[in-house]
Amino acid sequence: MDDGDGDDDVRGPSRYSGGSRRRKGCPFLVDGKCNIDYKDVDMLRRYLTDSGKIRPRRQTGACAKCQRALALAIKRARHLALLPYAPQHINGGRG
């Protein structure tokens, strides 16, 4: 029954109800260049998921150019065995 007070919405707050948030800039850009090094393994690990996948751009906050450079750096580090292709708990603890 409607009592006329206007708060009949039982869905809760809308996900679109916030103000517009300003996006942070790319964390890799320094003087217009992507500053990503494949030998910096600790930095590269932050951009991998628990299952070893490369995080998407919307999670990393990188621009498209830096996301491509990040993916290339991770692939290079994997090829040189600086980063694992799969985490240890998936491949049975071997390696």
PDB file of N, CA and C in Angstrom:
ATOM      1  N   MET A   1       0.840  -1.162   0.000  1.00  0.00           N
ATOM      2  CA  MET A   1       0.000   0.000   0.000  1.00  0.00           C
ATOM      3  C   MET A   1       0.891   1.232   0.000  1.00  0.00           C
ATOM      4  N   ASP A   2       0.529   2.222  -0.792  1.00  0.00           N
ATOM      5  CA  ASP A   2       1.320   3.438  -0.935  1.00  0.00           C
ATOM      6  C   ASP A   2       0.790   4.512   0.003  1.00  0.00           C
ATOM      7  N   ASP A   3       1.654   4.992   0.893  1.00  0.00           N
ATOM      8  CA  ASP A   3       1.237   6.031   1.832  1.00  0.00           C
ATOM      9  C   ASP A   3       1.575   7.425   1.331  1.00  0.00           C
ATOM     10  N   GLY A   4       2.183   7.536   0.135  1.00  0.00           N
ATOM     11  CA  GLY A   4       2.401   8.832  -0.481  1.00  0.00           C
ATOM     12  C   GLY A   4       3.676   9.554  -0.065  1.00  0.00           C
ATOM     13  N   ASP A   5       4.562   8.898   0.730  1.00  0.00           N
ATOM     14  CA  ASP A   5       5.768   9.608   1.148  1.00  0.00           C
ATOM     15  C   ASP A   5       6.912   9.462   0.147  1.00  0.00           C
ATOM     16  N   GLY A   6       6.769   8.618  -0.869  1.00  0.00           N
ATOM     17  CA  GLY A   6       7.740   8.563  -1.949  1.00  0.00           C
ATOM     18  C   GLY A   6       8.930   7.654  -1.716  1.00  0.00           C
ATOM     19  N   ASP A   7       9.034   6.971  -0.589  1.00  0.00           N
ATOM     20  CA  ASP A   7      10.182   6.097  -0.355  1.00  0.00           C
ATOM     21  C   ASP A   7       9.772   4.625  -0.470  1.00  0.00           C
ATOM     22  N   ASP A   8       9.155   4.290  -1.608  1.00  0.00           N
ATOM     23  CA  ASP A   8       8.688   2.925  -1.835  1.00  0.00           C
ATOM     24  C   ASP A   8       9.742   2.066  -2.515  1.00  0.00           C
ATOM     25  N   ASP A   9      10.879   2.625  -2.857  1.00  0.00           N
ATOM     26  CA  ASP A   9      11.909   1.891  -3.581  1.00  0.00           C
ATOM     27  C   ASP A   9      12.605   0.926  -2.634  1.00  0.00           C
ATOM     28  N   VAL A  10      12.420  -0.373  -2.857  1.00  0.00           N
ATOM     29  CA  VAL A  10      13.017  -1.375  -1.987  1.00  0.00           C
ATOM     30  C   VAL A  10      14.349  -1.893  -2.540  1.00  0.00           C
ATOM     31  N   ARG A  11      14.748  -1.411  -3.717  1.00  0.00           N
ATOM     32  CA  ARG A  11      15.982  -1.887  -4.330  1.00  0.00           C
ATOM     33  C   ARG A  11      17.230  -1.344  -3.653  1.00  0.00           C
ATOM     34  N   GLY A  12      17.119  -0.298  -2.912  1.00  0.00           N
ATOM     35  CA  GLY A  12      18.289   0.300  -2.277  1.00  0.00           C
ATOM     36  C   GLY A  12      18.883   1.374  -3.163  1.00  0.00           C
ATOM     37  N   PRO A  13      20.066   1.848  -2.803  1.00  0.00           N
ATOM     38  CA  PRO A  13      20.664   2.936  -3.584  1.00  0.00           C
ATOM     39  C   PRO A  13      21.084   2.453  -4.969  1.00  0.00           C
ATOM     40  N   SER A  14      20.918   3.329  -5.916  1.00  0.00           N
ATOM     41  CA  SER A  14      21.272   3.005  -7.289  1.00  0.00           C
ATOM     42  C   SER A  14      22.783   3.039  -7.461  1.00  0.00           C
ATOM     43  N   ARG A  15      23.303   2.198  -8.334  1.00  0.00           N
ATOM     44  CA  ARG A  15      24.747   2.213  -8.553  1.00  0.00           C
ATOM     45  C   ARG A  15      25.169   3.417  -9.371  1.00  0.00           C
ATOM     46  N   TYR A  16      24.210   4.110  -9.972  1.00  0.00           N
ATOM     47  CA  TYR A  16      24.513   5.297 -10.760  1.00  0.00           C
ATOM     48  C   TYR A  16      24.281   6.586  -9.971  1.00  0.00           C
ATOM     49  N   SER A  17      23.964   6.479  -8.696  1.00  0.00           N
ATOM     50  CA  SER A  17      23.527   7.650  -7.947  1.00  0.00           C
ATOM     51  C   SER A  17      24.674   8.543  -7.463  1.00  0.00           C
ATOM     52  N   GLY A  18      25.906   8.146  -7.623  1.00  0.00           N
ATOM     53  CA  GLY A  18      27.018   8.954  -7.161  1.00  0.00           C
ATOM     54  C   GLY A  18      27.373  10.063  -8.137  1.00  0.00           C
ATOM     55  N   GLY A  19      28.204  10.950  -7.705  1.00  0.00           N
ATOM     56  CA  GLY A  19      28.697  11.977  -8.603  1.00  0.00           C
ATOM     57  C   GLY A  19      29.717  11.386  -9.553  1.00  0.00           C
ATOM     58  N   SER A  20      30.078  12.126 -10.553  1.00  0.00           N
ATOM     59  CA  SER A  20      31.051  11.592 -11.500  1.00  0.00           C
ATOM     60  C   SER A  20      32.439  11.657 -10.878  1.00  0.00           C
ATOM     61  N   ARG A  21      33.125  10.541 -10.915  1.00  0.00           N
ATOM     62  CA  ARG A  21      34.471  10.478 -10.353  1.00  0.00           C
ATOM     63  C   ARG A  21      35.480  10.757 -11.448  1.00  0.00           C
ATOM     64  N   ARG A  22      36.475  11.486 -11.117  1.00  0.00           N
ATOM     65  CA  ARG A  22      37.521  11.759 -12.081  1.00  0.00           C
ATOM     66  C   ARG A  22      38.526  10.612 -12.059  1.00  0.00           C
ATOM     67  N   ARG A  23      38.897  10.141 -13.233  1.00  0.00           N
ATOM     68  CA  ARG A  23      39.857   9.052 -13.329  1.00  0.00           C
ATOM     69  C   ARG A  23      41.247   9.536 -13.020  1.00  0.00           C
ATOM     70  N   LYS A  24      41.982   8.705 -12.295  1.00  0.00           N
ATOM     71  CA  LYS A  24      43.373   9.038 -12.043  1.00  0.00           C
ATOM     72  C   LYS A  24      44.161   8.810 -13.319  1.00  0.00           C
ATOM     73  N   GLY A  25      45.263   9.491 -13.424  1.00  0.00           N
ATOM     74  CA  GLY A  25      46.091   9.316 -14.605  1.00  0.00           C
ATOM     75  C   GLY A  25      46.806   7.977 -14.597  1.00  0.00           C
ATOM     76  N   CYS A  26      47.443   7.693 -15.708  1.00  0.00           N
ATOM     77  CA  CYS A  26      48.168   6.435 -15.861  1.00  0.00           C
ATOM     78  C   CYS A  26      49.327   6.400 -14.865  1.00  0.00           C
ATOM     79  N   PRO A  27      49.476   5.304 -14.091  1.00  0.00           N
ATOM     80  CA  PRO A  27      50.544   5.253 -13.090  1.00  0.00           C
ATOM     81  C   PRO A  27      51.940   5.055 -13.693  1.00  0.00           C
ATOM     82  N   PHE A  28      52.017   4.738 -14.983  1.00  0.00           N
ATOM     83  CA  PHE A  28      53.303   4.448 -15.599  1.00  0.00           C
ATOM     84  C   PHE A  28      53.893   5.618 -16.375  1.00  0.00           C
ATOM     85  N   LEU A  29      53.070   6.582 -16.742  1.00  0.00           N
ATOM     86  CA  LEU A  29      53.546   7.663 -17.591  1.00  0.00           C
ATOM     87  C   LEU A  29      54.484   8.603 -16.840  1.00  0.00           C
ATOM     88  N   VAL A  30      55.688   8.797 -17.391  1.00  0.00           N
ATOM     89  CA  VAL A  30      56.643   9.769 -16.885  1.00  0.00           C
ATOM     90  C   VAL A  30      57.145  10.544 -18.098  1.00  0.00           C
ATOM     91  N   ASP A  31      56.848  11.818 -18.156  1.00  0.00           N
ATOM     92  CA  ASP A  31      57.219  12.674 -19.287  1.00  0.00           C
ATOM     93  C   ASP A  31      56.710  12.111 -20.612  1.00  0.00           C
ATOM     94  N   GLY A  32      55.495  11.572 -20.614  1.00  0.00           N
ATOM     95  CA  GLY A  32      54.894  11.073 -21.841  1.00  0.00           C
ATOM     96  C   GLY A  32      55.370   9.706 -22.281  1.00  0.00           C
ATOM     97  N   LYS A  33      56.205   9.037 -21.505  1.00  0.00           N
ATOM     98  CA  LYS A  33      56.699   7.708 -21.867  1.00  0.00           C
ATOM     99  C   LYS A  33      56.275   6.705 -20.805  1.00  0.00           C
ATOM    100  N   CYS A  34      56.012   5.499 -21.247  1.00  0.00           N
ATOM    101  CA  CYS A  34      55.664   4.425 -20.319  1.00  0.00           C
ATOM    102  C   CYS A  34      56.940   3.909 -19.671  1.00  0.00           C
ATOM    103  N   ASN A  35      57.020   4.027 -18.365  1.00  0.00           N
ATOM    104  CA  ASN A  35      58.216   3.640 -17.624  1.00  0.00           C
ATOM    105  C   ASN A  35      57.998   2.245 -17.028  1.00  0.00           C
ATOM    106  N   ILE A  36      58.149   1.200 -17.880  1.00  0.00           N
ATOM    107  CA  ILE A  36      57.921  -0.183 -17.450  1.00  0.00           C
ATOM    108  C   ILE A  36      59.154  -0.995 -17.809  1.00  0.00           C
ATOM    109  N   ASP A  37      59.691  -1.717 -16.823  1.00  0.00           N
ATOM    110  CA  ASP A  37      60.884  -2.523 -17.041  1.00  0.00           C
ATOM    111  C   ASP A  37      60.561  -3.973 -16.727  1.00  0.00           C
ATOM    112  N   TYR A  38      60.901  -4.876 -17.635  1.00  0.00           N
ATOM    113  CA  TYR A  38      60.584  -6.295 -17.431  1.00  0.00           C
ATOM    114  C   TYR A  38      61.400  -6.914 -16.308  1.00  0.00           C
ATOM    115  N   LYS A  39      62.477  -6.251 -15.879  1.00  0.00           N
ATOM    116  CA  LYS A  39      63.308  -6.798 -14.797  1.00  0.00           C
ATOM    117  C   LYS A  39      62.800  -6.418 -13.415  1.00  0.00           C
ATOM    118  N   ASP A  40      61.848  -5.491 -13.354  1.00  0.00           N
ATOM    119  CA  ASP A  40      61.265  -5.065 -12.078  1.00  0.00           C
ATOM    120  C   ASP A  40      60.118  -6.012 -11.716  1.00  0.00           C
ATOM    121  N   VAL A  41      60.479  -7.178 -11.196  1.00  0.00           N
ATOM    122  CA  VAL A  41      59.520  -8.258 -10.972  1.00  0.00           C
ATOM    123  C   VAL A  41      58.515  -7.900  -9.886  1.00  0.00           C
ATOM    124  N   ASP A  42      58.939  -7.205  -8.847  1.00  0.00           N
ATOM    125  CA  ASP A  42      58.014  -6.854  -7.765  1.00  0.00           C
ATOM    126  C   ASP A  42      56.903  -5.943  -8.267  1.00  0.00           C
ATOM    127  N   MET A  43      57.235  -5.014  -9.145  1.00  0.00           N
ATOM    128  CA  MET A  43      56.229  -4.125  -9.712  1.00  0.00           C
ATOM    129  C   MET A  43      55.295  -4.905 -10.635  1.00  0.00           C
ATOM    130  N   LEU A  44      55.837  -5.808 -11.429  1.00  0.00           N
ATOM    131  CA  LEU A  44      55.015  -6.570 -12.376  1.00  0.00           C
ATOM    132  C   LEU A  44      54.052  -7.503 -11.659  1.00  0.00           C
ATOM    133  N   ARG A  45      54.443  -8.048 -10.506  1.00  0.00           N
ATOM    134  CA  ARG A  45      53.571  -8.967  -9.759  1.00  0.00           C
ATOM    135  C   ARG A  45      52.300  -8.288  -9.278  1.00  0.00           C
ATOM    136  N   ARG A  46      52.350  -6.971  -9.055  1.00  0.00           N
ATOM    137  CA  ARG A  46      51.149  -6.257  -8.614  1.00  0.00           C
ATOM    138  C   ARG A  46      50.070  -6.263  -9.687  1.00  0.00           C
ATOM    139  N   TYR A  47      50.457  -6.480 -10.936  1.00  0.00           N
ATOM    140  CA  TYR A  47      49.503  -6.426 -12.041  1.00  0.00           C
ATOM    141  C   TYR A  47      49.130  -7.806 -12.546  1.00  0.00           C
ATOM    142  N   LEU A  48      49.348  -8.842 -11.723  1.00  0.00           N
ATOM    143  CA  LEU A  48      48.911 -10.194 -12.010  1.00  0.00           C
ATOM    144  C   LEU A  48      47.840 -10.595 -11.005  1.00  0.00           C
ATOM    145  N   THR A  49      46.884 -11.385 -11.449  1.00  0.00           N
ATOM    146  CA  THR A  49      45.869 -11.898 -10.533  1.00  0.00           C
ATOM    147  C   THR A  49      46.463 -13.057  -9.738  1.00  0.00           C
ATOM    148  N   ASP A  50      45.687 -13.596  -8.801  1.00  0.00           N
ATOM    149  CA  ASP A  50      46.139 -14.747  -8.012  1.00  0.00           C
ATOM    150  C   ASP A  50      46.356 -15.972  -8.891  1.00  0.00           C
ATOM    151  N   SER A  51      45.614 -16.047  -9.980  1.00  0.00           N
ATOM    152  CA  SER A  51      45.763 -17.190 -10.882  1.00  0.00           C
ATOM    153  C   SER A  51      46.846 -16.966 -11.932  1.00  0.00           C
ATOM    154  N   GLY A  52      47.532 -15.834 -11.882  1.00  0.00           N
ATOM    155  CA  GLY A  52      48.650 -15.585 -12.779  1.00  0.00           C
ATOM    156  C   GLY A  52      48.294 -14.845 -14.050  1.00  0.00           C
ATOM    157  N   LYS A  53      47.051 -14.401 -14.192  1.00  0.00           N
ATOM    158  CA  LYS A  53      46.642 -13.684 -15.394  1.00  0.00           C
ATOM    159  C   LYS A  53      46.982 -12.198 -15.263  1.00  0.00           C
ATOM    160  N   ILE A  54      47.144 -11.538 -16.403  1.00  0.00           N
ATOM    161  CA  ILE A  54      47.413 -10.107 -16.422  1.00  0.00           C
ATOM    162  C   ILE A  54      46.105  -9.378 -16.147  1.00  0.00           C
ATOM    163  N   ARG A  55      46.146  -8.435 -15.213  1.00  0.00           N
ATOM    164  CA  ARG A  55      44.943  -7.684 -14.864  1.00  0.00           C
ATOM    165  C   ARG A  55      44.507  -6.788 -16.029  1.00  0.00           C
ATOM    166  N   PRO A  56      43.191  -6.587 -16.195  1.00  0.00           N
ATOM    167  CA  PRO A  56      42.710  -5.731 -17.282  1.00  0.00           C
ATOM    168  C   PRO A  56      42.972  -4.253 -17.008  1.00  0.00           C
ATOM    169  N   ARG A  57      42.819  -3.475 -18.040  1.00  0.00           N
ATOM    170  CA  ARG A  57      43.112  -2.045 -17.984  1.00  0.00           C
ATOM    171  C   ARG A  57      42.261  -1.299 -16.972  1.00  0.00           C
ATOM    172  N   ARG A  58      41.021  -1.698 -16.825  1.00  0.00           N
ATOM    173  CA  ARG A  58      40.140  -1.004 -15.883  1.00  0.00           C
ATOM    174  C   ARG A  58      40.565  -1.230 -14.438  1.00  0.00           C
ATOM    175  N   GLN A  59      41.337  -2.298 -14.172  1.00  0.00           N
ATOM    176  CA  GLN A  59      41.842  -2.544 -12.825  1.00  0.00           C
ATOM    177  C   GLN A  59      43.219  -1.921 -12.615  1.00  0.00           C
ATOM    178  N   THR A  60      44.048  -1.921 -13.646  1.00  0.00           N
ATOM    179  CA  THR A  60      45.397  -1.374 -13.489  1.00  0.00           C
ATOM    180  C   THR A  60      45.397   0.146 -13.529  1.00  0.00           C
ATOM    181  N   GLY A  61      44.446   0.735 -14.235  1.00  0.00           N
ATOM    182  CA  GLY A  61      44.401   2.182 -14.359  1.00  0.00           C
ATOM    183  C   GLY A  61      45.367   2.718 -15.396  1.00  0.00           C
ATOM    184  N   ALA A  62      45.936   1.845 -16.204  1.00  0.00           N
ATOM    185  CA  ALA A  62      46.924   2.251 -17.201  1.00  0.00           C
ATOM    186  C   ALA A  62      46.225   2.713 -18.472  1.00  0.00           C
ATOM    187  N   CYS A  63      46.899   3.574 -19.235  1.00  0.00           N
ATOM    188  CA  CYS A  63      46.387   3.951 -20.546  1.00  0.00           C
ATOM    189  C   CYS A  63      46.618   2.769 -21.489  1.00  0.00           C
ATOM    190  N   ALA A  64      46.041   2.824 -22.674  1.00  0.00           N
ATOM    191  CA  ALA A  64      46.122   1.696 -23.604  1.00  0.00           C
ATOM    192  C   ALA A  64      47.560   1.391 -23.999  1.00  0.00           C
ATOM    193  N   LYS A  65      48.321   2.434 -24.241  1.00  0.00           N
ATOM    194  CA  LYS A  65      49.721   2.251 -24.649  1.00  0.00           C
ATOM    195  C   LYS A  65      50.535   1.583 -23.540  1.00  0.00           C
ATOM    196  N   CYS A  66      50.354   2.032 -22.310  1.00  0.00           N
ATOM    197  CA  CYS A  66      51.105   1.463 -21.190  1.00  0.00           C
ATOM    198  C   CYS A  66      50.615   0.057 -20.838  1.00  0.00           C
ATOM    199  N   GLN A  67      49.320  -0.225 -21.057  1.00  0.00           N
ATOM    200  CA  GLN A  67      48.819  -1.567 -20.803  1.00  0.00           C
ATOM    201  C   GLN A  67      49.453  -2.563 -21.770  1.00  0.00           C
ATOM    202  N   ARG A  68      49.632  -2.162 -23.027  1.00  0.00           N
ATOM    203  CA  ARG A  68      50.312  -3.037 -23.988  1.00  0.00           C
ATOM    204  C   ARG A  68      51.763  -3.248 -23.581  1.00  0.00           C
ATOM    205  N   ALA A  69      52.430  -2.169 -23.137  1.00  0.00           N
ATOM    206  CA  ALA A  69      53.817  -2.298 -22.694  1.00  0.00           C
ATOM    207  C   ALA A  69      53.920  -3.155 -21.436  1.00  0.00           C
ATOM    208  N   LEU A  70      52.940  -3.043 -20.542  1.00  0.00           N
ATOM    209  CA  LEU A  70      52.915  -3.860 -19.326  1.00  0.00           C
ATOM    210  C   LEU A  70      52.765  -5.335 -19.675  1.00  0.00           C
ATOM    211  N   ALA A  71      51.841  -5.639 -20.587  1.00  0.00           N
ATOM    212  CA  ALA A  71      51.633  -7.033 -20.997  1.00  0.00           C
ATOM    213  C   ALA A  71      52.900  -7.588 -21.647  1.00  0.00           C
ATOM    214  N   LEU A  72      53.554  -6.787 -22.467  1.00  0.00           N
ATOM    215  CA  LEU A  72      54.788  -7.234 -23.117  1.00  0.00           C
ATOM    216  C   LEU A  72      55.891  -7.470 -22.089  1.00  0.00           C
ATOM    217  N   ALA A  73      56.002  -6.595 -21.088  1.00  0.00           N
ATOM    218  CA  ALA A  73      57.019  -6.760 -20.045  1.00  0.00           C
ATOM    219  C   ALA A  73      56.754  -8.017 -19.219  1.00  0.00           C
ATOM    220  N   ILE A  74      55.490  -8.299 -18.915  1.00  0.00           N
ATOM    221  CA  ILE A  74      55.151  -9.507 -18.159  1.00  0.00           C
ATOM    222  C   ILE A  74      55.482 -10.748 -18.979  1.00  0.00           C
ATOM    223  N   LYS A  75      55.180 -10.706 -20.268  1.00  0.00           N
ATOM    224  CA  LYS A  75      55.478 -11.853 -21.128  1.00  0.00           C
ATOM    225  C   LYS A  75      56.980 -12.070 -21.268  1.00  0.00           C
ATOM    226  N   ARG A  76      57.736 -10.996 -21.337  1.00  0.00           N
ATOM    227  CA  ARG A  76      59.197 -11.123 -21.402  1.00  0.00           C
ATOM    228  C   ARG A  76      59.749 -11.706 -20.110  1.00  0.00           C
ATOM    229  N   ALA A  77      59.225 -11.226 -18.973  1.00  0.00           N
ATOM    230  CA  ALA A  77      59.691 -11.737 -17.684  1.00  0.00           C
ATOM    231  C   ALA A  77      59.328 -13.211 -17.518  1.00  0.00           C
ATOM    232  N   ARG A  78      58.180 -13.617 -18.027  1.00  0.00           N
ATOM    233  CA  ARG A  78      57.803 -15.029 -17.976  1.00  0.00           C
ATOM    234  C   ARG A  78      58.745 -15.865 -18.839  1.00  0.00           C
ATOM    235  N   HIS A  79      59.060 -15.353 -20.022  1.00  0.00           N
ATOM    236  CA  HIS A  79      59.939 -16.083 -20.944  1.00  0.00           C
ATOM    237  C   HIS A  79      61.335 -16.282 -20.343  1.00  0.00           C
ATOM    238  N   LEU A  80      61.799 -15.308 -19.586  1.00  0.00           N
ATOM    239  CA  LEU A  80      63.113 -15.394 -18.950  1.00  0.00           C
ATOM    240  C   LEU A  80      63.052 -16.048 -17.568  1.00  0.00           C
ATOM    241  N   ALA A  81      61.912 -16.593 -17.203  1.00  0.00           N
ATOM    242  CA  ALA A  81      61.686 -17.287 -15.933  1.00  0.00           C
ATOM    243  C   ALA A  81      61.845 -16.369 -14.728  1.00  0.00           C
ATOM    244  N   LEU A  82      61.595 -15.076 -14.911  1.00  0.00           N
ATOM    245  CA  LEU A  82      61.565 -14.160 -13.775  1.00  0.00           C
ATOM    246  C   LEU A  82      60.195 -14.200 -13.101  1.00  0.00           C
ATOM    247  N   LEU A  83      59.160 -14.487 -13.880  1.00  0.00           N
ATOM    248  CA  LEU A  83      57.793 -14.652 -13.376  1.00  0.00           C
ATOM    249  C   LEU A  83      57.288 -16.021 -13.798  1.00  0.00           C
ATOM    250  N   PRO A  84      56.474 -16.666 -12.968  1.00  0.00           N
ATOM    251  CA  PRO A  84      55.921 -17.963 -13.368  1.00  0.00           C
ATOM    252  C   PRO A  84      54.757 -17.784 -14.344  1.00  0.00           C
ATOM    253  N   TYR A  85      54.564 -18.774 -15.207  1.00  0.00           N
ATOM    254  CA  TYR A  85      53.394 -18.771 -16.086  1.00  0.00           C
ATOM    255  C   TYR A  85      52.137 -19.081 -15.286  1.00  0.00           C
ATOM    256  N   ALA A  86      52.263 -19.956 -14.309  1.00  0.00           N
ATOM    257  CA  ALA A  86      51.140 -20.320 -13.448  1.00  0.00           C
ATOM    258  C   ALA A  86      51.635 -20.322 -12.003  1.00  0.00           C
ATOM    259  N   PRO A  87      50.763 -19.969 -11.050  1.00  0.00           N
ATOM    260  CA  PRO A  87      51.186 -20.003  -9.650  1.00  0.00           C
ATOM    261  C   PRO A  87      51.468 -21.429  -9.194  1.00  0.00           C
ATOM    262  N   GLN A  88      52.210 -21.560  -8.103  1.00  0.00           N
ATOM    263  CA  GLN A  88      52.652 -22.873  -7.655  1.00  0.00           C
ATOM    264  C   GLN A  88      51.513 -23.762  -7.191  1.00  0.00           C
ATOM    265  N   HIS A  89      50.447 -23.190  -6.639  1.00  0.00           N
ATOM    266  CA  HIS A  89      49.373 -24.037  -6.135  1.00  0.00           C
ATOM    267  C   HIS A  89      48.574 -24.671  -7.281  1.00  0.00           C
ATOM    268  N   ILE A  90      48.684 -24.138  -8.486  1.00  0.00           N
ATOM    269  CA  ILE A  90      47.969 -24.726  -9.618  1.00  0.00           C
ATOM    270  C   ILE A  90      48.781 -25.862 -10.231  1.00  0.00           C
ATOM    271  N   ASN A  91      50.090 -25.675 -10.370  1.00  0.00           N
ATOM    272  CA  ASN A  91      50.887 -26.718 -11.018  1.00  0.00           C
ATOM    273  C   ASN A  91      51.413 -27.746 -10.010  1.00  0.00           C
ATOM    274  N   GLY A  92      50.780 -27.875  -8.878  1.00  0.00           N
ATOM    275  CA  GLY A  92      51.100 -28.941  -7.937  1.00  0.00           C
ATOM    276  C   GLY A  92      52.305 -28.678  -7.058  1.00  0.00           C
ATOM    277  N   GLY A  93      52.772 -27.447  -6.963  1.00  0.00           N
ATOM    278  CA  GLY A  93      53.900 -27.131  -6.109  1.00  0.00           C
ATOM    279  C   GLY A  93      55.248 -27.452  -6.725  1.00  0.00           C
ATOM    280  N   ARG A  94      55.236 -27.933  -7.956  1.00  0.00           N
ATOM    281  CA  ARG A  94      56.502 -28.233  -8.630  1.00  0.00           C
ATOM    282  C   ARG A  94      56.945 -27.005  -9.401  1.00  0.00           C
ATOM    283  N   GLY A  95      58.192 -26.666  -9.320  1.00  0.00           N
ATOM    284  CA  GLY A  95      58.732 -25.585 -10.129  1.00  0.00           C
ATOM    285  C   GLY A  95      58.759 -24.343  -9.441  1.00  0.00           C
TER     286      GLY A  95
END
